[in-house]
Amino acid sequence: MRGIAVRAELTDEWKKRGVKEDPEYAILTSEISKAAFGLTTA
């Protein structure tokens, strides 16, 4: 449950900063995964 809440907070912050398109969310998510785990979402 906490992971879902954290994801919601993160996407809300991205919206505040102007992220509007699905491809932008995918790029940001992939970069976070790469930095945190060394893996991309692809």
PDB file of N, CA and C in Angstrom:
ATOM      1  N   MET A   1       0.811  -1.187   0.000  1.00  0.00           N
ATOM      2  CA  MET A   1       0.000   0.000   0.000  1.00  0.00           C
ATOM      3  C   MET A   1       0.860   1.258   0.000  1.00  0.00           C
ATOM      4  N   ARG A   2       1.923   1.240   0.740  1.00  0.00           N
ATOM      5  CA  ARG A   2       2.783   2.436   0.812  1.00  0.00           C
ATOM      6  C   ARG A   2       3.369   2.752  -0.556  1.00  0.00           C
ATOM      7  N   GLY A   3       3.718   1.728  -1.332  1.00  0.00           N
ATOM      8  CA  GLY A   3       4.269   1.948  -2.668  1.00  0.00           C
ATOM      9  C   GLY A   3       3.284   2.666  -3.575  1.00  0.00           C
ATOM     10  N   ILE A   4       2.012   2.330  -3.449  1.00  0.00           N
ATOM     11  CA  ILE A   4       0.980   2.991  -4.245  1.00  0.00           C
ATOM     12  C   ILE A   4       0.868   4.456  -3.849  1.00  0.00           C
ATOM     13  N   ALA A   5       0.929   4.729  -2.559  1.00  0.00           N
ATOM     14  CA  ALA A   5       0.843   6.107  -2.069  1.00  0.00           C
ATOM     15  C   ALA A   5       2.036   6.926  -2.536  1.00  0.00           C
ATOM     16  N   VAL A   6       3.209   6.342  -2.491  1.00  0.00           N
ATOM     17  CA  VAL A   6       4.415   7.041  -2.937  1.00  0.00           C
ATOM     18  C   VAL A   6       4.329   7.347  -4.426  1.00  0.00           C
ATOM     19  N   ARG A   7       3.866   6.382  -5.209  1.00  0.00           N
ATOM     20  CA  ARG A   7       3.713   6.595  -6.658  1.00  0.00           C
ATOM     21  C   ARG A   7       2.720   7.728  -6.934  1.00  0.00           C
ATOM     22  N   ALA A   8       1.620   7.767  -6.188  1.00  0.00           N
ATOM     23  CA  ALA A   8       0.628   8.833  -6.362  1.00  0.00           C
ATOM     24  C   ALA A   8       1.234  10.199  -6.031  1.00  0.00           C
ATOM     25  N   GLU A   9       2.006  10.274  -4.955  1.00  0.00           N
ATOM     26  CA  GLU A   9       2.666  11.527  -4.590  1.00  0.00           C
ATOM     27  C   GLU A   9       3.630  11.970  -5.689  1.00  0.00           C
ATOM     28  N   LEU A  10       4.368  11.020  -6.218  1.00  0.00           N
ATOM     29  CA  LEU A  10       5.336  11.320  -7.262  1.00  0.00           C
ATOM     30  C   LEU A  10       4.650  11.831  -8.528  1.00  0.00           C
ATOM     31  N   THR A  11       3.605  11.150  -8.968  1.00  0.00           N
ATOM     32  CA  THR A  11       2.918  11.598 -10.182  1.00  0.00           C
ATOM     33  C   THR A  11       2.212  12.934  -9.966  1.00  0.00           C
ATOM     34  N   ASP A  12       1.706  13.181  -8.767  1.00  0.00           N
ATOM     35  CA  ASP A  12       1.120  14.493  -8.463  1.00  0.00           C
ATOM     36  C   ASP A  12       2.172  15.599  -8.579  1.00  0.00           C
ATOM     37  N   GLU A  13       3.362  15.331  -8.089  1.00  0.00           N
ATOM     38  CA  GLU A  13       4.449  16.311  -8.176  1.00  0.00           C
ATOM     39  C   GLU A  13       4.834  16.558  -9.630  1.00  0.00           C
ATOM     40  N   TRP A  14       4.902  15.497 -10.428  1.00  0.00           N
ATOM     41  CA  TRP A  14       5.211  15.664 -11.852  1.00  0.00           C
ATOM     42  C   TRP A  14       4.151  16.521 -12.535  1.00  0.00           C
ATOM     43  N   LYS A  15       2.880  16.301 -12.202  1.00  0.00           N
ATOM     44  CA  LYS A  15       1.795  17.109 -12.788  1.00  0.00           C
ATOM     45  C   LYS A  15       1.978  18.577 -12.446  1.00  0.00           C
ATOM     46  N   LYS A  16       2.327  18.872 -11.181  1.00  0.00           N
ATOM     47  CA  LYS A  16       2.559  20.259 -10.764  1.00  0.00           C
ATOM     48  C   LYS A  16       3.679  20.900 -11.562  1.00  0.00           C
ATOM     49  N   ARG A  17       4.644  20.086 -11.983  1.00  0.00           N
ATOM     50  CA  ARG A  17       5.803  20.600 -12.712  1.00  0.00           C
ATOM     51  C   ARG A  17       5.630  20.552 -14.229  1.00  0.00           C
ATOM     52  N   GLY A  18       4.424  20.219 -14.678  1.00  0.00           N
ATOM     53  CA  GLY A  18       4.113  20.338 -16.085  1.00  0.00           C
ATOM     54  C   GLY A  18       4.160  19.080 -16.933  1.00  0.00           C
ATOM     55  N   VAL A  19       4.354  17.921 -16.323  1.00  0.00           N
ATOM     56  CA  VAL A  19       4.336  16.676 -17.096  1.00  0.00           C
ATOM     57  C   VAL A  19       2.879  16.365 -17.423  1.00  0.00           C
ATOM     58  N   LYS A  20       2.577  16.203 -18.723  1.00  0.00           N
ATOM     59  CA  LYS A  20       1.191  16.016 -19.118  1.00  0.00           C
ATOM     60  C   LYS A  20       0.946  14.792 -19.997  1.00  0.00           C
ATOM     61  N   GLU A  21       1.939  14.296 -20.651  1.00  0.00           N
ATOM     62  CA  GLU A  21       1.754  13.210 -21.614  1.00  0.00           C
ATOM     63  C   GLU A  21       2.245  11.878 -21.046  1.00  0.00           C
ATOM     64  N   ASP A  22       1.591  10.790 -21.455  1.00  0.00           N
ATOM     65  CA  ASP A  22       1.997   9.453 -21.010  1.00  0.00           C
ATOM     66  C   ASP A  22       3.461   9.135 -21.334  1.00  0.00           C
ATOM     67  N   PRO A  23       3.954   9.497 -22.532  1.00  0.00           N
ATOM     68  CA  PRO A  23       5.377   9.188 -22.804  1.00  0.00           C
ATOM     69  C   PRO A  23       6.338   9.853 -21.811  1.00  0.00           C
ATOM     70  N   GLU A  24       5.977  11.038 -21.329  1.00  0.00           N
ATOM     71  CA  GLU A  24       6.837  11.709 -20.352  1.00  0.00           C
ATOM     72  C   GLU A  24       6.878  10.929 -19.035  1.00  0.00           C
ATOM     73  N   TYR A  25       5.739  10.423 -18.603  1.00  0.00           N
ATOM     74  CA  TYR A  25       5.690   9.606 -17.389  1.00  0.00           C
ATOM     75  C   TYR A  25       6.521   8.337 -17.569  1.00  0.00           C
ATOM     76  N   ALA A  26       6.431   7.741 -18.743  1.00  0.00           N
ATOM     77  CA  ALA A  26       7.197   6.521 -19.011  1.00  0.00           C
ATOM     78  C   ALA A  26       8.690   6.784 -18.947  1.00  0.00           C
ATOM     79  N   ILE A  27       9.123   7.891 -19.519  1.00  0.00           N
ATOM     80  CA  ILE A  27      10.546   8.246 -19.497  1.00  0.00           C
ATOM     81  C   ILE A  27      11.009   8.473 -18.063  1.00  0.00           C
ATOM     82  N   LEU A  28      10.249   9.241 -17.296  1.00  0.00           N
ATOM     83  CA  LEU A  28      10.630   9.507 -15.907  1.00  0.00           C
ATOM     84  C   LEU A  28      10.663   8.226 -15.074  1.00  0.00           C
ATOM     85  N   THR A  29       9.672   7.375 -15.241  1.00  0.00           N
ATOM     86  CA  THR A  29       9.622   6.109 -14.509  1.00  0.00           C
ATOM     87  C   THR A  29      10.819   5.239 -14.865  1.00  0.00           C
ATOM     88  N   SER A  30      11.150   5.189 -16.133  1.00  0.00           N
ATOM     89  CA  SER A  30      12.287   4.383 -16.580  1.00  0.00           C
ATOM     90  C   SER A  30      13.590   4.911 -15.989  1.00  0.00           C
ATOM     91  N   GLU A  31      13.756   6.215 -15.977  1.00  0.00           N
ATOM     92  CA  GLU A  31      14.980   6.804 -15.420  1.00  0.00           C
ATOM     93  C   GLU A  31      15.106   6.533 -13.923  1.00  0.00           C
ATOM     94  N   ILE A  32      14.006   6.586 -13.203  1.00  0.00           N
ATOM     95  CA  ILE A  32      14.039   6.284 -11.766  1.00  0.00           C
ATOM     96  C   ILE A  32      14.411   4.823 -11.548  1.00  0.00           C
ATOM     97  N   SER A  33      13.808   3.931 -12.312  1.00  0.00           N
ATOM     98  CA  SER A  33      14.125   2.503 -12.188  1.00  0.00           C
ATOM     99  C   SER A  33      15.589   2.225 -12.507  1.00  0.00           C
ATOM    100  N   LYS A  34      16.084   2.904 -13.541  1.00  0.00           N
ATOM    101  CA  LYS A  34      17.480   2.714 -13.937  1.00  0.00           C
ATOM    102  C   LYS A  34      18.425   3.195 -12.822  1.00  0.00           C
ATOM    103  N   ALA A  35      18.117   4.354 -12.252  1.00  0.00           N
ATOM    104  CA  ALA A  35      18.963   4.897 -11.191  1.00  0.00           C
ATOM    105  C   ALA A  35      18.882   4.078  -9.909  1.00  0.00           C
ATOM    106  N   ALA A  36      17.682   3.625  -9.558  1.00  0.00           N
ATOM    107  CA  ALA A  36      17.493   2.912  -8.296  1.00  0.00           C
ATOM    108  C   ALA A  36      17.913   1.450  -8.351  1.00  0.00           C
ATOM    109  N   PHE A  37      17.638   0.790  -9.484  1.00  0.00           N
ATOM    110  CA  PHE A  37      17.830  -0.663  -9.547  1.00  0.00           C
ATOM    111  C   PHE A  37      18.760  -1.119 -10.655  1.00  0.00           C
ATOM    112  N   GLY A  38      19.197  -0.175 -11.504  1.00  0.00           N
ATOM    113  CA  GLY A  38      20.051  -0.550 -12.614  1.00  0.00           C
ATOM    114  C   GLY A  38      19.306  -1.227 -13.757  1.00  0.00           C
ATOM    115  N   LEU A  39      17.965  -1.121 -13.734  1.00  0.00           N
ATOM    116  CA  LEU A  39      17.120  -1.739 -14.753  1.00  0.00           C
ATOM    117  C   LEU A  39      16.206  -0.706 -15.368  1.00  0.00           C
ATOM    118  N   THR A  40      15.932  -0.834 -16.663  1.00  0.00           N
ATOM    119  CA  THR A  40      14.941   0.031 -17.277  1.00  0.00           C
ATOM    120  C   THR A  40      13.615  -0.715 -17.331  1.00  0.00           C
ATOM    121  N   THR A  41      12.554   0.015 -17.588  1.00  0.00           N
ATOM    122  CA  THR A  41      11.236  -0.600 -17.646  1.00  0.00           C
ATOM    123  C   THR A  41      10.996  -1.312 -18.964  1.00  0.00           C
ATOM    124  N   ALA A  42      11.857  -1.080 -19.932  1.00  0.00           N
ATOM    125  CA  ALA A  42      11.679  -1.724 -21.259  1.00  0.00           C
ATOM    126  C   ALA A  42      12.062  -3.132 -21.202  1.00  0.00           C
TER     127      ALA A  42
END
